[in-house]
Amino acid sequence: MGIPEKIKSIQDEMAKTQINKATEHHIGLLKAKIAKLKREQEADITKKSGMKQDGFDVRRSGDATVVFIGLPSVGKSTLLNKMTGANSTIGAFQFTTLTVVPGMMEYRGAKIQVLDLPGIIKGASSGKGLGKRILSVARSADLVLLILDVFQPYHEDVLVNELGNIGIRLNQLSPNLTIEKASMGGIAIAQQTKLTKITEKHFKDILHLYGLVSARVVVREDVTSEQVADFIAGNISYSKAITVLNKIDLVDKEFLTELKTKIKSEVIEVSANSDINIELLKEKIYQKLKFIRIYMRPKGGETDFKEPFIAREGDTVEDICNKLHRRLKREFRYGLIWGKSVKFGGQRVGLNHIMQDEDVFTIIKKRGIAS
């Protein structure tokens, strides 16, 4: 029996199994088996084709990269043009965009690369159309925008499922687990947080499924069987996402209010054609990317408030140095900061200091090195 037949057999078994408290362990294990088989199938296809299953070759630029994912004719190209001034072909027919069209959105000092991808179809993750190449671009993106047509909001599930099928989880974090393989002693699970979504026996059965018979496990959050399988597989990407509902100029408020009750996630309502809420969308993208602005002040010079250095929330002085120049960390002596991250203006800081939005920053290099 081949892998597709094994997957179909397990899916048939799941369909026949009544879901209740007594069967949830069995169902969870079946899901883990399907996930494992799908990964084996993907590896087998890649090996037989003799080719890497890469996405489109896109040169990344700017402070972050955002990708549009949507079915054909949802208005991605028009939206790209409104947000960036790019020249993406627009047409009232499907598959207008047949390659990646990049644009650069400048907002609050940040340069954000926006990629308009060809429309995907149901089954894209299995290779239909250019599906895998399109979806794989999302793996390395900083943010995914799910673009929906106001008349087809149910396509959100299609997009989430297709991305999920190639190992991209939206608006999730990697589970807080530690699994260390051991040479003997069986599986020992230390629960720092009580497991309620999966039993300890179920957890161990999934580990056994992936060939782990002896391991030390630390659980720091309540996890599901799917999260455990993802963690063990190790080839999962976790991406931020925003759902965008386009073409709202074509419906009235009552239609829109009722429609929003049918969409699972929070949405940004826009009209690319009528230029509605485009600035709001830009602001939401900026917030989701968690940018902060750092104003650089050369030693003995004036602060540059016109062109801030764009960093991310949680970045340290060391992160800033690494982004400015690869040699700067070695040349760094100390930094001077004015702003919210310090107690007083001109405070001396080291590499581990965490920056905050609108800090003013001066780098003092080691003696004998010109600033």
Foldseek 3Di string as FASTA:
>chain_A
DDLVVVLVVLVVVLVPDDDDPVCLLVNLVSVLVNLVSLVVVVVVVCVVVVHDLAAADDDDDWPFEEEEAAAFPLCLQLLLCLQFVFDQDDDNDAFSDPAWGWGWGADPQTTYIYIYGHYDDQCLLVPPDNSSNRLNVQQRGQEYEYRAELVPLVCVVSRQVSNVSVFEHEPDDQFPKDKAADPDDFEDEAEPDDADQHDPVSLSVSCVVVPGGYIYMYHDDHDHSVSSSSVVVVPHGYHYYAYEHEDCVVDDPVSVVVSVVVHDDDHHYYYSVVGGCSVVVVVVVCVSQQKAWEWEAEVVGDTDPPNTDIDHAFAFQLNVQCVVDVCRLVFFDWKFKDDDQDPHHRDTHHRGRGDGHHIYMYTDTDPPDDD
